PDB file of all heavy atoms in Angstrom:
ATOM      1  N   ARG A   1    -133.381 -35.114  17.520  1.00  0.00           N
ATOM      2  CA  ARG A   1    -133.002 -36.530  17.738  1.00  0.00           C
ATOM      3  C   ARG A   1    -132.989 -37.279  16.392  1.00  0.00           C
ATOM      4  O   ARG A   1    -132.036 -38.034  16.109  1.00  0.00           O
ATOM      5  CB  ARG A   1    -134.056 -37.157  18.649  1.00  0.00           C
ATOM      6  CG  ARG A   1    -133.832 -38.614  18.927  1.00  0.00           C
ATOM      7  CD  ARG A   1    -134.929 -39.130  19.813  1.00  0.00           C
ATOM      8  NE  ARG A   1    -134.684 -40.529  20.187  1.00  0.00           N
ATOM      9  CZ  ARG A   1    -135.144 -41.615  19.503  1.00  0.00           C
ATOM     10  NH1 ARG A   1    -135.831 -41.397  18.391  1.00  0.00           N
ATOM     11  NH2 ARG A   1    -134.872 -42.815  19.876  1.00  0.00           N
ATOM     12  N   THR A   2    -133.979 -37.101  15.573  1.00  0.00           N
ATOM     13  CA  THR A   2    -134.132 -37.862  14.294  1.00  0.00           C
ATOM     14  C   THR A   2    -132.964 -37.488  13.362  1.00  0.00           C
ATOM     15  O   THR A   2    -132.354 -38.346  12.712  1.00  0.00           O
ATOM     16  CB  THR A   2    -135.472 -37.567  13.613  1.00  0.00           C
ATOM     17  OG1 THR A   2    -136.528 -37.954  14.465  1.00  0.00           O
ATOM     18  CG2 THR A   2    -135.577 -38.275  12.286  1.00  0.00           C
ATOM     19  N   GLU A   3    -132.676 -36.157  13.273  1.00  0.00           N
ATOM     20  CA  GLU A   3    -131.655 -35.714  12.326  1.00  0.00           C
ATOM     21  C   GLU A   3    -130.282 -35.629  12.956  1.00  0.00           C
ATOM     22  O   GLU A   3    -129.289 -35.279  12.275  1.00  0.00           O
ATOM     23  CB  GLU A   3    -132.030 -34.277  11.837  1.00  0.00           C
ATOM     24  CG  GLU A   3    -133.366 -34.227  11.099  1.00  0.00           C
ATOM     25  CD  GLU A   3    -133.384 -34.949   9.794  1.00  0.00           C
ATOM     26  OE1 GLU A   3    -132.308 -35.063   9.161  1.00  0.00           O
ATOM     27  OE2 GLU A   3    -134.444 -35.494   9.436  1.00  0.00           O
ATOM     28  N   ARG A   4    -130.171 -36.053  14.219  1.00  0.00           N
ATOM     29  CA  ARG A   4    -128.902 -36.035  14.969  1.00  0.00           C
ATOM     30  C   ARG A   4    -128.246 -34.611  14.890  1.00  0.00           C
ATOM     31  O   ARG A   4    -127.030 -34.472  14.588  1.00  0.00           O
ATOM     32  CB  ARG A   4    -127.915 -37.065  14.446  1.00  0.00           C
ATOM     33  CG  ARG A   4    -128.487 -38.507  14.311  1.00  0.00           C
ATOM     34  CD  ARG A   4    -129.232 -38.995  15.555  1.00  0.00           C
ATOM     35  NE  ARG A   4    -128.334 -39.229  16.667  1.00  0.00           N
ATOM     36  CZ  ARG A   4    -128.757 -39.547  17.893  1.00  0.00           C
ATOM     37  NH1 ARG A   4    -130.056 -39.630  18.150  1.00  0.00           N
ATOM     38  NH2 ARG A   4    -127.919 -39.747  18.876  1.00  0.00           N
ATOM     39  N   ILE A   5    -129.007 -33.628  15.158  1.00  0.00           N
ATOM     40  CA  ILE A   5    -128.549 -32.222  15.049  1.00  0.00           C
ATOM     41  C   ILE A   5    -127.874 -31.835  16.391  1.00  0.00           C
ATOM     42  O   ILE A   5    -128.528 -31.952  17.437  1.00  0.00           O
ATOM     43  CB  ILE A   5    -129.715 -31.256  14.735  1.00  0.00           C
ATOM     44  CG1 ILE A   5    -130.297 -31.583  13.366  1.00  0.00           C
ATOM     45  CG2 ILE A   5    -129.267 -29.835  14.808  1.00  0.00           C
ATOM     46  CD1 ILE A   5    -131.558 -30.843  13.009  1.00  0.00           C
ATOM     47  N   THR A   6    -126.627 -31.415  16.292  1.00  0.00           N
ATOM     48  CA  THR A   6    -125.907 -30.970  17.526  1.00  0.00           C
ATOM     49  C   THR A   6    -125.225 -29.632  17.384  1.00  0.00           C
ATOM     50  O   THR A   6    -124.849 -29.022  18.387  1.00  0.00           O
ATOM     51  CB  THR A   6    -124.834 -32.041  17.919  1.00  0.00           C
ATOM     52  OG1 THR A   6    -123.951 -32.204  16.755  1.00  0.00           O
ATOM     53  CG2 THR A   6    -125.454 -33.384  18.237  1.00  0.00           C
ATOM     54  N   ARG A   7    -125.090 -29.131  16.112  1.00  0.00           N
ATOM     55  CA  ARG A   7    -124.447 -27.892  15.920  1.00  0.00           C
ATOM     56  C   ARG A   7    -125.333 -26.741  16.426  1.00  0.00           C
ATOM     57  O   ARG A   7    -126.523 -26.717  16.159  1.00  0.00           O
ATOM     58  CB  ARG A   7    -124.141 -27.693  14.400  1.00  0.00           C
ATOM     59  CG  ARG A   7    -123.155 -26.592  14.091  1.00  0.00           C
ATOM     60  CD  ARG A   7    -122.599 -26.751  12.661  1.00  0.00           C
ATOM     61  NE  ARG A   7    -123.553 -27.326  11.742  1.00  0.00           N
ATOM     62  CZ  ARG A   7    -124.386 -26.611  10.975  1.00  0.00           C
ATOM     63  NH1 ARG A   7    -124.381 -25.307  11.078  1.00  0.00           N
ATOM     64  NH2 ARG A   7    -125.214 -27.221  10.177  1.00  0.00           N
ATOM     65  N   ALA A   8    -124.747 -25.808  17.164  1.00  0.00           N
ATOM     66  CA  ALA A   8    -125.508 -24.758  17.846  1.00  0.00           C
ATOM     67  C   ALA A   8    -126.368 -23.940  16.830  1.00  0.00           C
ATOM     68  O   ALA A   8    -127.545 -23.646  17.079  1.00  0.00           O
ATOM     69  CB  ALA A   8    -124.590 -23.799  18.599  1.00  0.00           C
ATOM     70  N   SER A   9    -125.775 -23.591  15.698  1.00  0.00           N
ATOM     71  CA  SER A   9    -126.545 -22.753  14.752  1.00  0.00           C
ATOM     72  C   SER A   9    -127.730 -23.553  14.159  1.00  0.00           C
ATOM     73  O   SER A   9    -128.829 -23.000  13.906  1.00  0.00           O
ATOM     74  CB  SER A   9    -125.629 -22.280  13.606  1.00  0.00           C
ATOM     75  OG  SER A   9    -125.079 -23.378  12.921  1.00  0.00           O
ATOM     76  N   ALA A  10    -127.534 -24.856  13.965  1.00  0.00           N
ATOM     77  CA  ALA A  10    -128.611 -25.695  13.403  1.00  0.00           C
ATOM     78  C   ALA A  10    -129.725 -25.837  14.461  1.00  0.00           C
ATOM     79  O   ALA A  10    -130.935 -25.853  14.107  1.00  0.00           O
ATOM     80  CB  ALA A  10    -128.050 -27.055  12.988  1.00  0.00           C
ATOM     81  N   ILE A  11    -129.359 -25.970  15.721  1.00  0.00           N
ATOM     82  CA  ILE A  11    -130.357 -26.056  16.786  1.00  0.00           C
ATOM     83  C   ILE A  11    -131.151 -24.797  16.842  1.00  0.00           C
ATOM     84  O   ILE A  11    -132.394 -24.793  16.953  1.00  0.00           O
ATOM     85  CB  ILE A  11    -129.679 -26.360  18.146  1.00  0.00           C
ATOM     86  CG1 ILE A  11    -129.061 -27.784  18.125  1.00  0.00           C
ATOM     87  CG2 ILE A  11    -130.710 -26.206  19.293  1.00  0.00           C
ATOM     88  CD1 ILE A  11    -128.215 -28.092  19.327  1.00  0.00           C
ATOM     89  N   ASP A  12    -130.422 -23.659  16.792  1.00  0.00           N
ATOM     90  CA  ASP A  12    -131.135 -22.317  16.806  1.00  0.00           C
ATOM     91  C   ASP A  12    -132.099 -22.183  15.659  1.00  0.00           C
ATOM     92  O   ASP A  12    -133.179 -21.629  15.822  1.00  0.00           O
ATOM     93  CB  ASP A  12    -130.085 -21.201  16.788  1.00  0.00           C
ATOM     94  CG  ASP A  12    -129.336 -21.065  18.117  1.00  0.00           C
ATOM     95  OD1 ASP A  12    -129.749 -21.631  19.126  1.00  0.00           O
ATOM     96  OD2 ASP A  12    -128.213 -20.485  18.105  1.00  0.00           O
ATOM     97  N   HIS A  13    -131.699 -22.721  14.512  1.00  0.00           N
ATOM     98  CA  HIS A  13    -132.601 -22.636  13.336  1.00  0.00           C
ATOM     99  C   HIS A  13    -133.871 -23.435  13.564  1.00  0.00           C
ATOM    100  O   HIS A  13    -134.959 -22.949  13.228  1.00  0.00           O
ATOM    101  CB  HIS A  13    -131.860 -23.166  12.090  1.00  0.00           C
ATOM    102  CG  HIS A  13    -132.763 -23.291  10.877  1.00  0.00           C
ATOM    103  ND1 HIS A  13    -133.151 -22.177  10.173  1.00  0.00           N
ATOM    104  CD2 HIS A  13    -133.328 -24.378  10.294  1.00  0.00           C
ATOM    105  CE1 HIS A  13    -133.961 -22.564   9.181  1.00  0.00           C
ATOM    106  NE2 HIS A  13    -134.065 -23.906   9.205  1.00  0.00           N
ATOM    107  N   GLU A  14    -133.777 -24.611  14.140  1.00  0.00           N
ATOM    108  CA  GLU A  14    -134.950 -25.449  14.438  1.00  0.00           C
ATOM    109  C   GLU A  14    -135.829 -24.751  15.417  1.00  0.00           C
ATOM    110  O   GLU A  14    -137.085 -24.736  15.324  1.00  0.00           O
ATOM    111  CB  GLU A  14    -134.555 -26.819  14.934  1.00  0.00           C
ATOM    112  CG  GLU A  14    -133.815 -27.679  13.964  1.00  0.00           C
ATOM    113  CD  GLU A  14    -134.631 -27.985  12.701  1.00  0.00           C
ATOM    114  OE1 GLU A  14    -135.839 -28.135  12.797  1.00  0.00           O
ATOM    115  OE2 GLU A  14    -134.018 -28.037  11.637  1.00  0.00           O
ATOM    116  N   ILE A  15    -135.240 -24.119  16.455  1.00  0.00           N
ATOM    117  CA  ILE A  15    -136.046 -23.436  17.465  1.00  0.00           C
ATOM    118  C   ILE A  15    -136.802 -22.275  16.821  1.00  0.00           C
ATOM    119  O   ILE A  15    -137.995 -22.084  17.052  1.00  0.00           O
ATOM    120  CB  ILE A  15    -135.134 -22.907  18.629  1.00  0.00           C
ATOM    121  CG1 ILE A  15    -134.543 -24.034  19.385  1.00  0.00           C
ATOM    122  CG2 ILE A  15    -135.902 -21.977  19.533  1.00  0.00           C
ATOM    123  CD1 ILE A  15    -133.416 -23.643  20.359  1.00  0.00           C
ATOM    124  N   GLU A  16    -136.090 -21.534  15.998  1.00  0.00           N
ATOM    125  CA  GLU A  16    -136.718 -20.367  15.344  1.00  0.00           C
ATOM    126  C   GLU A  16    -137.894 -20.832  14.409  1.00  0.00           C
ATOM    127  O   GLU A  16    -138.984 -20.248  14.402  1.00  0.00           O
ATOM    128  CB  GLU A  16    -135.690 -19.630  14.484  1.00  0.00           C
ATOM    129  CG  GLU A  16    -136.213 -18.429  13.773  1.00  0.00           C
ATOM    130  CD  GLU A  16    -135.172 -17.686  12.972  1.00  0.00           C
ATOM    131  OE1 GLU A  16    -133.931 -18.027  13.110  1.00  0.00           O
ATOM    132  OE2 GLU A  16    -135.517 -16.830  12.184  1.00  0.00           O
ATOM    133  N   THR A  17    -137.602 -21.929  13.672  1.00  0.00           N
ATOM    134  CA  THR A  17    -138.623 -22.453  12.737  1.00  0.00           C
ATOM    135  C   THR A  17    -139.900 -22.890  13.485  1.00  0.00           C
ATOM    136  O   THR A  17    -141.031 -22.528  13.166  1.00  0.00           O
ATOM    137  CB  THR A  17    -138.061 -23.618  11.930  1.00  0.00           C
ATOM    138  OG1 THR A  17    -136.927 -23.153  11.135  1.00  0.00           O
ATOM    139  CG2 THR A  17    -139.130 -24.200  11.046  1.00  0.00           C
ATOM    140  N   TYR A  18    -139.714 -23.668  14.540  1.00  0.00           N
ATOM    141  CA  TYR A  18    -140.881 -24.225  15.248  1.00  0.00           C
ATOM    142  C   TYR A  18    -141.569 -23.171  16.158  1.00  0.00           C
ATOM    143  O   TYR A  18    -142.747 -23.322  16.425  1.00  0.00           O
ATOM    144  CB  TYR A  18    -140.460 -25.430  16.037  1.00  0.00           C
ATOM    145  CG  TYR A  18    -140.354 -26.672  15.180  1.00  0.00           C
ATOM    146  CD1 TYR A  18    -139.136 -27.127  14.691  1.00  0.00           C
ATOM    147  CD2 TYR A  18    -141.494 -27.362  14.781  1.00  0.00           C
ATOM    148  CE1 TYR A  18    -139.049 -28.222  13.835  1.00  0.00           C
ATOM    149  CE2 TYR A  18    -141.418 -28.466  13.924  1.00  0.00           C
ATOM    150  CZ  TYR A  18    -140.201 -28.898  13.474  1.00  0.00           C
ATOM    151  OH  TYR A  18    -140.123 -29.971  12.629  1.00  0.00           O
ATOM    152  N   ASN A  19    -140.827 -22.184  16.576  1.00  0.00           N
ATOM    153  CA  ASN A  19    -141.458 -21.126  17.356  1.00  0.00           C
ATOM    154  C   ASN A  19    -142.523 -20.392  16.608  1.00  0.00           C
ATOM    155  O   ASN A  19    -143.429 -19.809  17.178  1.00  0.00           O
ATOM    156  CB  ASN A  19    -140.408 -20.145  17.882  1.00  0.00           C
ATOM    157  CG  ASN A  19    -139.927 -20.497  19.272  1.00  0.00           C
ATOM    158  OD1 ASN A  19    -140.594 -21.164  20.086  1.00  0.00           O
ATOM    159  ND2 ASN A  19    -138.722 -20.019  19.630  1.00  0.00           N
ATOM    160  N   GLU A  20    -142.423 -20.427  15.284  1.00  0.00           N
ATOM    161  CA  GLU A  20    -143.459 -19.809  14.448  1.00  0.00           C
ATOM    162  C   GLU A  20    -144.857 -20.434  14.687  1.00  0.00           C
ATOM    163  O   GLU A  20    -145.885 -19.854  14.405  1.00  0.00           O
ATOM    164  CB  GLU A  20    -143.157 -19.914  12.969  1.00  0.00           C
ATOM    165  CG  GLU A  20    -141.971 -19.091  12.509  1.00  0.00           C
ATOM    166  CD  GLU A  20    -141.696 -19.269  11.035  1.00  0.00           C
ATOM    167  OE1 GLU A  20    -142.582 -19.747  10.291  1.00  0.00           O
ATOM    168  OE2 GLU A  20    -140.559 -18.990  10.631  1.00  0.00           O
ATOM    169  N   LEU A  21    -144.864 -21.710  15.169  1.00  0.00           N
ATOM    170  CA  LEU A  21    -146.118 -22.396  15.429  1.00  0.00           C
ATOM    171  C   LEU A  21    -146.827 -21.910  16.688  1.00  0.00           C
ATOM    172  O   LEU A  21    -148.021 -22.179  16.898  1.00  0.00           O
ATOM    173  CB  LEU A  21    -145.902 -23.892  15.533  1.00  0.00           C
ATOM    174  CG  LEU A  21    -145.326 -24.580  14.280  1.00  0.00           C
ATOM    175  CD1 LEU A  21    -145.230 -26.105  14.555  1.00  0.00           C
ATOM    176  CD2 LEU A  21    -146.160 -24.311  13.068  1.00  0.00           C
ATOM    177  N   LEU A  22    -146.074 -21.243  17.561  1.00  0.00           N
ATOM    178  CA  LEU A  22    -146.665 -20.772  18.811  1.00  0.00           C
ATOM    179  C   LEU A  22    -147.581 -19.571  18.559  1.00  0.00           C
ATOM    180  O   LEU A  22    -147.245 -18.660  17.861  1.00  0.00           O
ATOM    181  CB  LEU A  22    -145.599 -20.433  19.831  1.00  0.00           C
ATOM    182  CG  LEU A  22    -144.821 -21.575  20.402  1.00  0.00           C
ATOM    183  CD1 LEU A  22    -143.680 -21.084  21.257  1.00  0.00           C
ATOM    184  CD2 LEU A  22    -145.757 -22.518  21.216  1.00  0.00           C
ATOM    185  N   PRO A  23    -148.769 -19.586  19.198  1.00  0.00           N
ATOM    186  CA  PRO A  23    -149.628 -18.416  19.008  1.00  0.00           C
ATOM    187  C   PRO A  23    -149.170 -17.196  19.817  1.00  0.00           C
ATOM    188  O   PRO A  23    -148.502 -17.330  20.848  1.00  0.00           O
ATOM    189  CB  PRO A  23    -151.002 -18.942  19.582  1.00  0.00           C
ATOM    190  CG  PRO A  23    -150.623 -19.992  20.576  1.00  0.00           C
ATOM    191  CD  PRO A  23    -149.355 -20.619  20.030  1.00  0.00           C
ATOM    192  N   ASP A  24    -149.462 -16.027  19.294  1.00  0.00           N
ATOM    193  CA  ASP A  24    -149.154 -14.775  19.978  1.00  0.00           C
ATOM    194  C   ASP A  24    -150.419 -14.148  20.538  1.00  0.00           C
ATOM    195  O   ASP A  24    -151.431 -14.143  19.850  1.00  0.00           O
ATOM    196  CB  ASP A  24    -148.532 -13.759  18.987  1.00  0.00           C
ATOM    197  CG  ASP A  24    -147.181 -14.137  18.504  1.00  0.00           C
ATOM    198  OD1 ASP A  24    -146.401 -14.749  19.313  1.00  0.00           O
ATOM    199  OD2 ASP A  24    -146.878 -13.910  17.297  1.00  0.00           O
ATOM    200  N   GLY A  25    -150.340 -13.617  21.760  1.00  0.00           N
ATOM    201  CA  GLY A  25    -151.453 -12.859  22.326  1.00  0.00           C
ATOM    202  C   GLY A  25    -152.817 -13.526  22.124  1.00  0.00           C
ATOM    203  O   GLY A  25    -153.026 -14.700  22.543  1.00  0.00           O
ATOM    204  N   ASN A  26    -153.759 -12.813  21.532  1.00  0.00           N
ATOM    205  CA  ASN A  26    -155.083 -13.323  21.286  1.00  0.00           C
ATOM    206  C   ASN A  26    -155.148 -14.142  19.988  1.00  0.00           C
ATOM    207  O   ASN A  26    -155.801 -13.787  19.022  1.00  0.00           O
ATOM    208  CB  ASN A  26    -156.136 -12.173  21.214  1.00  0.00           C
ATOM    209  CG  ASN A  26    -156.305 -11.506  22.561  1.00  0.00           C
ATOM    210  OD1 ASN A  26    -156.019 -12.120  23.609  1.00  0.00           O
ATOM    211  ND2 ASN A  26    -156.787 -10.293  22.528  1.00  0.00           N
ATOM    212  N   GLU A  27    -154.467 -15.279  20.002  1.00  0.00           N
ATOM    213  CA  GLU A  27    -154.302 -16.063  18.817  1.00  0.00           C
ATOM    214  C   GLU A  27    -154.265 -17.557  19.215  1.00  0.00           C
ATOM    215  O   GLU A  27    -153.811 -17.927  20.306  1.00  0.00           O
ATOM    216  CB  GLU A  27    -152.962 -15.680  18.185  1.00  0.00           C
ATOM    217  CG  GLU A  27    -152.733 -16.117  16.767  1.00  0.00           C
ATOM    218  CD  GLU A  27    -151.437 -15.543  16.225  1.00  0.00           C
ATOM    219  OE1 GLU A  27    -150.385 -15.806  16.811  1.00  0.00           O
ATOM    220  OE2 GLU A  27    -151.490 -14.794  15.230  1.00  0.00           O
ATOM    221  N   LEU A  28    -154.772 -18.387  18.298  1.00  0.00           N
ATOM    222  CA  LEU A  28    -154.648 -19.865  18.494  1.00  0.00           C
ATOM    223  C   LEU A  28    -153.890 -20.392  17.241  1.00  0.00           C
ATOM    224  O   LEU A  28    -153.920 -19.763  16.177  1.00  0.00           O
ATOM    225  CB  LEU A  28    -156.007 -20.492  18.584  1.00  0.00           C
ATOM    226  CG  LEU A  28    -156.868 -20.140  19.795  1.00  0.00           C
ATOM    227  CD1 LEU A  28    -158.280 -20.722  19.657  1.00  0.00           C
ATOM    228  CD2 LEU A  28    -156.236 -20.620  21.090  1.00  0.00           C
ATOM    229  N   SER A  29    -153.240 -21.492  17.420  1.00  0.00           N
ATOM    230  CA  SER A  29    -152.426 -22.089  16.378  1.00  0.00           C
ATOM    231  C   SER A  29    -152.649 -23.530  16.292  1.00  0.00           C
ATOM    232  O   SER A  29    -152.794 -24.260  17.262  1.00  0.00           O
ATOM    233  CB  SER A  29    -150.948 -21.799  16.720  1.00  0.00           C
ATOM    234  OG  SER A  29    -150.094 -22.371  15.785  1.00  0.00           O
ATOM    235  N   CYS A  30    -152.674 -24.091  15.055  1.00  0.00           N
ATOM    236  CA  CYS A  30    -152.889 -25.518  14.905  1.00  0.00           C
ATOM    237  C   CYS A  30    -152.070 -26.027  13.685  1.00  0.00           C
ATOM    238  O   CYS A  30    -151.759 -25.277  12.740  1.00  0.00           O
ATOM    239  CB  CYS A  30    -154.346 -25.895  14.806  1.00  0.00           C
ATOM    240  SG  CYS A  30    -155.102 -25.590  13.168  1.00  0.00           S
ATOM    241  N   THR A  31    -151.831 -27.312  13.714  1.00  0.00           N
ATOM    242  CA  THR A  31    -151.292 -28.038  12.591  1.00  0.00           C
ATOM    243  C   THR A  31    -152.405 -28.879  12.036  1.00  0.00           C
ATOM    244  O   THR A  31    -152.997 -29.690  12.764  1.00  0.00           O
ATOM    245  CB  THR A  31    -150.092 -28.927  12.991  1.00  0.00           C
ATOM    246  OG1 THR A  31    -149.044 -28.090  13.554  1.00  0.00           O
ATOM    247  CG2 THR A  31    -149.521 -29.668  11.815  1.00  0.00           C
ATOM    248  N   LEU A  32    -152.726 -28.716  10.788  1.00  0.00           N
ATOM    249  CA  LEU A  32    -153.814 -29.439  10.135  1.00  0.00           C
ATOM    250  C   LEU A  32    -153.199 -30.441   9.177  1.00  0.00           C
ATOM    251  O   LEU A  32    -152.353 -30.083   8.363  1.00  0.00           O
ATOM    252  CB  LEU A  32    -154.732 -28.455   9.395  1.00  0.00           C
ATOM    253  CG  LEU A  32    -155.978 -29.046   8.737  1.00  0.00           C
ATOM    254  CD1 LEU A  32    -157.150 -28.105   8.881  1.00  0.00           C
ATOM    255  CD2 LEU A  32    -155.695 -29.338   7.256  1.00  0.00           C
ATOM    256  N   MET A  33    -153.683 -31.675   9.245  1.00  0.00           N
ATOM    257  CA  MET A  33    -153.152 -32.782   8.428  1.00  0.00           C
ATOM    258  C   MET A  33    -154.205 -33.419   7.580  1.00  0.00           C
ATOM    259  O   MET A  33    -155.268 -33.766   8.087  1.00  0.00           O
ATOM    260  CB  MET A  33    -152.538 -33.792   9.373  1.00  0.00           C
ATOM    261  CG  MET A  33    -151.305 -33.283  10.133  1.00  0.00           C
ATOM    262  SD  MET A  33    -151.103 -34.023  11.720  1.00  0.00           S
ATOM    263  CE  MET A  33    -152.402 -33.236  12.701  1.00  0.00           C
ATOM    264  N   ILE A  34    -153.909 -33.552   6.304  1.00  0.00           N
ATOM    265  CA  ILE A  34    -154.748 -34.328   5.369  1.00  0.00           C
ATOM    266  C   ILE A  34    -154.232 -35.773   5.412  1.00  0.00           C
ATOM    267  O   ILE A  34    -153.075 -36.029   5.112  1.00  0.00           O
ATOM    268  CB  ILE A  34    -154.700 -33.713   3.970  1.00  0.00           C
ATOM    269  CG1 ILE A  34    -155.271 -32.302   3.958  1.00  0.00           C
ATOM    270  CG2 ILE A  34    -155.401 -34.625   2.951  1.00  0.00           C
ATOM    271  CD1 ILE A  34    -155.028 -31.554   2.709  1.00  0.00           C
ATOM    272  N   GLU A  35    -155.122 -36.671   5.856  1.00  0.00           N
ATOM    273  CA  GLU A  35    -154.686 -38.060   6.125  1.00  0.00           C
ATOM    274  C   GLU A  35    -155.349 -39.044   5.223  1.00  0.00           C
ATOM    275  O   GLU A  35    -156.461 -39.527   5.529  1.00  0.00           O
ATOM    276  CB  GLU A  35    -154.987 -38.362   7.601  1.00  0.00           C
ATOM    277  CG  GLU A  35    -154.227 -37.371   8.557  1.00  0.00           C
ATOM    278  CD  GLU A  35    -154.760 -37.437   9.981  1.00  0.00           C
ATOM    279  OE1 GLU A  35    -156.034 -37.550  10.122  1.00  0.00           O
ATOM    280  OE2 GLU A  35    -153.984 -37.371  10.939  1.00  0.00           O
ATOM    281  N   ILE A  36    -154.765 -39.305   4.127  1.00  0.00           N
ATOM    282  CA  ILE A  36    -155.248 -40.276   3.141  1.00  0.00           C
ATOM    283  C   ILE A  36    -154.111 -41.305   2.948  1.00  0.00           C
ATOM    284  O   ILE A  36    -153.035 -40.928   2.423  1.00  0.00           O
ATOM    285  CB  ILE A  36    -155.668 -39.687   1.820  1.00  0.00           C
ATOM    286  CG1 ILE A  36    -156.780 -38.615   2.090  1.00  0.00           C
ATOM    287  CG2 ILE A  36    -156.166 -40.710   0.828  1.00  0.00           C
ATOM    288  CD1 ILE A  36    -157.163 -37.825   0.887  1.00  0.00           C
ATOM    289  N   ALA A  37    -154.292 -42.516   3.351  1.00  0.00           N
ATOM    290  CA  ALA A  37    -153.150 -43.502   3.394  1.00  0.00           C
ATOM    291  C   ALA A  37    -152.614 -43.868   2.020  1.00  0.00           C
ATOM    292  O   ALA A  37    -151.415 -43.939   1.835  1.00  0.00           O
ATOM    293  CB  ALA A  37    -153.583 -44.719   4.172  1.00  0.00           C
ATOM    294  N   GLU A  38    -153.519 -44.133   1.099  1.00  0.00           N
ATOM    295  CA  GLU A  38    -153.097 -44.627  -0.199  1.00  0.00           C
ATOM    296  C   GLU A  38    -152.624 -43.459  -1.083  1.00  0.00           C
ATOM    297  O   GLU A  38    -153.214 -42.409  -1.188  1.00  0.00           O
ATOM    298  CB  GLU A  38    -154.252 -45.341  -0.927  1.00  0.00           C
ATOM    299  CG  GLU A  38    -154.635 -46.632  -0.143  1.00  0.00           C
ATOM    300  CD  GLU A  38    -155.756 -47.359  -0.853  1.00  0.00           C
ATOM    301  OE1 GLU A  38    -156.041 -47.085  -2.021  1.00  0.00           O
ATOM    302  OE2 GLU A  38    -156.341 -48.283  -0.242  1.00  0.00           O
ATOM    303  N   LYS A  39    -151.494 -43.716  -1.772  1.00  0.00           N
ATOM    304  CA  LYS A  39    -150.785 -42.615  -2.506  1.00  0.00           C
ATOM    305  C   LYS A  39    -151.659 -42.019  -3.587  1.00  0.00           C
ATOM    306  O   LYS A  39    -151.750 -40.818  -3.746  1.00  0.00           O
ATOM    307  CB  LYS A  39    -149.445 -43.138  -3.033  1.00  0.00           C
ATOM    308  CG  LYS A  39    -148.673 -42.072  -3.756  1.00  0.00           C
ATOM    309  CD  LYS A  39    -147.338 -42.548  -4.285  1.00  0.00           C
ATOM    310  CE  LYS A  39    -146.613 -41.467  -4.990  1.00  0.00           C
ATOM    311  NZ  LYS A  39    -145.305 -41.901  -5.520  1.00  0.00           N
ATOM    312  N   GLU A  40    -152.222 -42.879  -4.470  1.00  0.00           N
ATOM    313  CA  GLU A  40    -152.921 -42.346  -5.620  1.00  0.00           C
ATOM    314  C   GLU A  40    -154.165 -41.474  -5.212  1.00  0.00           C
ATOM    315  O   GLU A  40    -154.264 -40.341  -5.707  1.00  0.00           O
ATOM    316  CB  GLU A  40    -153.354 -43.492  -6.490  1.00  0.00           C
ATOM    317  CG  GLU A  40    -153.725 -43.051  -7.899  1.00  0.00           C
ATOM    318  CD  GLU A  40    -153.917 -44.259  -8.866  1.00  0.00           C
ATOM    319  OE1 GLU A  40    -153.003 -45.074  -8.985  1.00  0.00           O
ATOM    320  OE2 GLU A  40    -155.029 -44.315  -9.463  1.00  0.00           O
ATOM    321  N   PRO A  41    -155.026 -41.962  -4.320  1.00  0.00           N
ATOM    322  CA  PRO A  41    -156.166 -41.066  -3.908  1.00  0.00           C
ATOM    323  C   PRO A  41    -155.667 -39.799  -3.187  1.00  0.00           C
ATOM    324  O   PRO A  41    -156.253 -38.723  -3.319  1.00  0.00           O
ATOM    325  CB  PRO A  41    -156.940 -41.953  -2.941  1.00  0.00           C
ATOM    326  CG  PRO A  41    -156.572 -43.343  -3.259  1.00  0.00           C
ATOM    327  CD  PRO A  41    -155.164 -43.304  -3.785  1.00  0.00           C
ATOM    328  N   ARG A  42    -154.583 -39.959  -2.414  1.00  0.00           N
ATOM    329  CA  ARG A  42    -154.027 -38.772  -1.729  1.00  0.00           C
ATOM    330  C   ARG A  42    -153.526 -37.727  -2.740  1.00  0.00           C
ATOM    331  O   ARG A  42    -153.868 -36.536  -2.623  1.00  0.00           O
ATOM    332  CB  ARG A  42    -152.861 -39.178  -0.781  1.00  0.00           C
ATOM    333  CG  ARG A  42    -152.274 -38.013   0.011  1.00  0.00           C
ATOM    334  CD  ARG A  42    -151.232 -38.416   0.937  1.00  0.00           C
ATOM    335  NE  ARG A  42    -150.036 -38.979   0.292  1.00  0.00           N
ATOM    336  CZ  ARG A  42    -149.673 -40.278   0.453  1.00  0.00           C
ATOM    337  NH1 ARG A  42    -150.427 -41.163   1.128  1.00  0.00           N
ATOM    338  NH2 ARG A  42    -148.618 -40.711  -0.183  1.00  0.00           N
ATOM    339  N   GLU A  43    -152.751 -38.164  -3.730  1.00  0.00           N
ATOM    340  CA  GLU A  43    -152.236 -37.263  -4.752  1.00  0.00           C
ATOM    341  C   GLU A  43    -153.389 -36.594  -5.501  1.00  0.00           C
ATOM    342  O   GLU A  43    -153.322 -35.388  -5.802  1.00  0.00           O
ATOM    343  CB  GLU A  43    -151.311 -37.974  -5.706  1.00  0.00           C
ATOM    344  CG  GLU A  43    -149.977 -38.390  -5.023  1.00  0.00           C
ATOM    345  CD  GLU A  43    -149.219 -37.233  -4.505  1.00  0.00           C
ATOM    346  OE1 GLU A  43    -149.011 -36.255  -5.262  1.00  0.00           O
ATOM    347  OE2 GLU A  43    -148.807 -37.300  -3.307  1.00  0.00           O
ATOM    348  N   ARG A  44    -154.398 -37.366  -5.809  1.00  0.00           N
ATOM    349  CA  ARG A  44    -155.597 -36.795  -6.581  1.00  0.00           C
ATOM    350  C   ARG A  44    -156.257 -35.735  -5.705  1.00  0.00           C
ATOM    351  O   ARG A  44    -156.574 -34.642  -6.206  1.00  0.00           O
ATOM    352  CB  ARG A  44    -156.527 -37.895  -6.890  1.00  0.00           C
ATOM    353  CG  ARG A  44    -157.738 -37.445  -7.735  1.00  0.00           C
ATOM    354  CD  ARG A  44    -158.525 -38.592  -8.313  1.00  0.00           C
ATOM    355  NE  ARG A  44    -159.067 -39.467  -7.271  1.00  0.00           N
ATOM    356  CZ  ARG A  44    -158.651 -40.707  -7.049  1.00  0.00           C
ATOM    357  NH1 ARG A  44    -157.688 -41.220  -7.813  1.00  0.00           N
ATOM    358  NH2 ARG A  44    -159.163 -41.446  -6.095  1.00  0.00           N
TER     359      ARG A  44
END
């Protein structure tokens, strides 16, 4: 939606990329985020 992607090959690429986040079998998966609002402390 954000990138207005409609081409089939580009959609397939996004599906393949994000499917990597799904866990397999006896596995868990997470996205970990470092959340520091101010740019200078975050970069440091």
